[in-house]
């Protein structure tokens, strides 16, 4: 027992000495750090986003048309958000134009209005949303009436 007490005393006084369990702890810490780095380099698993055209009837002959597309594989691998956004939004625009060529849609220049563009996963996916109204009647923003001239 005396010799053990003596070893502990030496360990407490010397900050450079490692205990007998230290090599195992260092090895476990090294394995943990390597596993953490390997997990970080693999990236996060993401839920896939369905691509293609979705149409939703709004009533009175109006339709909401949503085109969703994914960026080109090379731009995704590069990780450049600007390139991903450009290729995914171009692909969504092409999908939307292809849908509007169907004979169901008449006079799309007048009867279709593109609305929101949504980016998913930093531009990896792009959604373009528009409204088709066969009568070409789109609600315009309400303008306020000015009751007093400015500056009074």
Protein backbone atom coordinates (compact mmCIF):
# COMPACT_ATOMS: atom_id res chain seq x y z
CA UNK A 1 0.00 0.00 0.00
CA UNK A 2 2.88 2.31 0.78
CA UNK A 3 4.31 2.04 -2.76
CA UNK A 4 0.93 2.90 -4.32
CA UNK A 5 0.65 6.02 -2.20
CA UNK A 6 4.08 7.03 -3.29
CA UNK A 7 3.18 6.66 -7.02
CA UNK A 8 0.05 8.78 -6.58
CA UNK A 9 2.08 11.44 -4.83
CA UNK A 10 4.54 11.54 -7.71
CA UNK A 11 1.69 11.75 -10.23
CA UNK A 12 0.08 14.66 -8.41
CA UNK A 13 3.28 16.64 -8.21
CA UNK A 14 4.42 16.02 -11.78
CA UNK A 15 2.13 17.49 -14.43
CA UNK A 16 4.00 15.72 -17.23
CA UNK A 17 3.51 12.18 -15.92
CA UNK A 18 0.53 10.20 -17.20
CA UNK A 19 -1.32 7.65 -15.11
CA UNK A 20 -1.51 4.03 -16.17
CA UNK A 21 -5.00 4.59 -17.75
CA UNK A 22 -3.86 7.58 -19.81
CA UNK A 23 -2.79 5.65 -22.95
CA UNK A 24 -6.25 4.02 -23.13
CA UNK A 25 -7.98 7.38 -22.64
CA UNK A 26 -5.86 9.03 -25.34
CA UNK A 27 -6.63 6.18 -27.73
CA UNK A 28 -10.37 6.40 -27.01
CA UNK A 29 -10.28 10.18 -27.51
CA UNK A 30 -8.41 9.78 -30.80
CA UNK A 31 -10.96 7.23 -32.08
CA UNK A 32 -13.84 9.56 -31.07
CA UNK A 33 -12.30 12.55 -32.88
CA UNK A 34 -11.66 10.49 -36.03
CA UNK A 35 -15.24 9.20 -36.00
CA UNK A 36 -16.53 12.74 -35.55
CA UNK A 37 -14.44 13.99 -38.48
CA UNK A 38 -15.53 11.10 -40.70
CA UNK A 39 -19.18 11.84 -39.94
CA UNK A 40 -18.74 15.52 -40.69
CA UNK A 41 -17.11 14.87 -44.05
CA UNK A 42 -19.96 12.62 -45.18
CA UNK A 43 -22.49 15.45 -44.90
CA UNK A 44 -25.95 15.32 -43.49
CA UNK A 45 -28.55 13.00 -44.88
CA UNK A 46 -31.37 15.04 -46.34
CA UNK A 47 -34.89 14.13 -47.21
CA UNK A 48 -35.23 13.94 -50.99
CA UNK A 49 -37.40 16.61 -52.60
CA UNK A 50 -39.87 15.31 -55.20
CA UNK A 51 -39.20 16.87 -58.60
CA UNK A 52 -41.56 17.46 -61.50
CA UNK A 53 -44.87 19.27 -62.02
CA UNK A 54 -47.70 19.54 -59.50
CA UNK A 55 -50.99 21.15 -60.50
CA UNK A 56 -53.64 22.21 -58.02
CA UNK A 57 -57.11 23.35 -59.00
CA UNK A 58 -58.05 26.61 -57.30
CA UNK A 59 -61.62 26.81 -58.59
CA UNK A 60 -63.25 28.82 -61.39
CA UNK A 61 -60.85 27.26 -63.90
CA UNK A 62 -57.75 28.60 -62.13
CA UNK A 63 -54.75 26.33 -61.54
CA UNK A 64 -51.62 26.65 -59.43
CA UNK A 65 -48.71 25.07 -61.28
CA UNK A 66 -45.55 24.19 -59.36
CA UNK A 67 -42.38 23.02 -61.10
CA UNK A 68 -39.62 21.59 -58.90
CA UNK A 69 -36.18 20.66 -60.25
CA UNK A 70 -32.79 19.65 -58.91
CA UNK A 71 -29.46 21.24 -59.80
CA UNK A 72 -26.99 19.42 -62.03
CA UNK A 73 -24.94 16.77 -60.25
CA UNK A 74 -21.63 18.55 -60.93
CA UNK A 75 -22.81 21.79 -59.32
CA UNK A 76 -24.13 19.89 -56.29
CA UNK A 77 -20.75 18.20 -55.88
CA UNK A 78 -18.97 21.56 -56.16
CA UNK A 79 -21.11 22.91 -53.32
CA UNK A 80 -21.41 26.35 -54.95
CA UNK A 81 -24.84 27.76 -53.97
CA UNK A 82 -24.89 30.22 -56.89
CA UNK A 83 -24.28 27.51 -59.48
CA UNK A 84 -26.77 25.18 -57.83
CA UNK A 85 -29.43 27.90 -57.81
CA UNK A 86 -28.80 28.77 -61.47
CA UNK A 87 -29.04 25.19 -62.75
CA UNK A 88 -31.97 24.13 -60.56
CA UNK A 89 -34.03 27.26 -61.40
CA UNK A 90 -33.27 26.89 -65.13
CA UNK A 91 -34.44 23.29 -64.98
CA UNK A 92 -37.62 24.29 -63.11
CA UNK A 93 -38.30 27.01 -65.72
CA UNK A 94 -37.94 24.45 -68.52
CA UNK A 95 -40.33 22.07 -66.75
CA UNK A 96 -42.85 24.88 -66.32
CA UNK A 97 -42.62 25.89 -69.98
CA UNK A 98 -43.07 22.28 -71.08
CA UNK A 99 -46.22 22.00 -68.94
CA UNK A 100 -47.63 25.22 -70.39
CA UNK A 101 -47.25 23.85 -73.94
CA UNK A 102 -50.05 21.38 -73.26
CA UNK A 103 -53.23 22.19 -75.22
CA UNK A 104 -55.16 22.61 -71.98
CA UNK A 105 -53.53 26.00 -71.46
CA UNK A 106 -54.60 28.75 -73.87
CA UNK A 107 -52.93 32.12 -74.46
CA UNK A 108 -50.34 31.65 -71.73
CA UNK A 109 -48.80 35.08 -72.29
CA UNK A 110 -52.00 36.63 -71.05
CA UNK A 111 -53.45 33.86 -68.84
CA UNK A 112 -50.38 32.72 -66.88
CA UNK A 113 -48.56 34.67 -64.21
CA UNK A 114 -45.43 33.37 -62.56
CA UNK A 115 -45.25 34.06 -58.85
CA UNK A 116 -42.87 32.80 -56.21
CA UNK A 117 -39.53 31.07 -56.59
CA UNK A 118 -38.44 28.95 -53.63
CA UNK A 119 -34.96 27.56 -53.03
CA UNK A 120 -34.51 24.35 -51.06
CA UNK A 121 -31.20 23.19 -49.54
CA UNK A 122 -29.27 26.34 -50.54
CA UNK A 123 -30.35 26.13 -54.17
CA UNK A 124 -29.91 22.40 -54.70
CA UNK A 125 -33.62 22.38 -55.56
CA UNK A 126 -35.72 25.18 -57.04
CA UNK A 127 -39.50 25.53 -57.08
CA UNK A 128 -41.23 27.92 -59.49
CA UNK A 129 -44.88 28.57 -58.81
CA UNK A 130 -47.37 30.23 -61.12
CA UNK A 131 -51.11 30.69 -61.58
CA UNK A 132 -53.06 29.93 -64.74
CA UNK A 133 -56.38 31.77 -65.09
CA UNK A 134 -58.23 31.17 -68.38
CA UNK A 135 -59.82 34.60 -68.04
CA UNK A 136 -56.50 36.33 -67.43
CA UNK A 137 -57.80 38.05 -64.30
CA UNK A 138 -55.15 38.32 -61.67
CA UNK A 139 -55.61 40.19 -58.44
CA UNK A 140 -53.46 43.29 -58.37
CA UNK A 141 -52.13 44.82 -55.17
CA UNK A 142 -54.59 47.26 -53.60
CA UNK A 143 -53.45 50.85 -53.97
CA UNK A 144 -54.02 53.27 -51.12
CA UNK A 145 -55.89 56.43 -51.76
CA UNK A 146 -54.05 59.57 -50.70
CA UNK A 147 -56.45 61.86 -48.86
CA UNK A 148 -53.94 64.64 -48.20
CA UNK A 149 -51.19 65.97 -50.43
CA UNK A 150 -47.70 65.01 -49.25
CA UNK A 151 -45.98 67.43 -46.89
CA UNK A 152 -49.10 68.85 -45.19
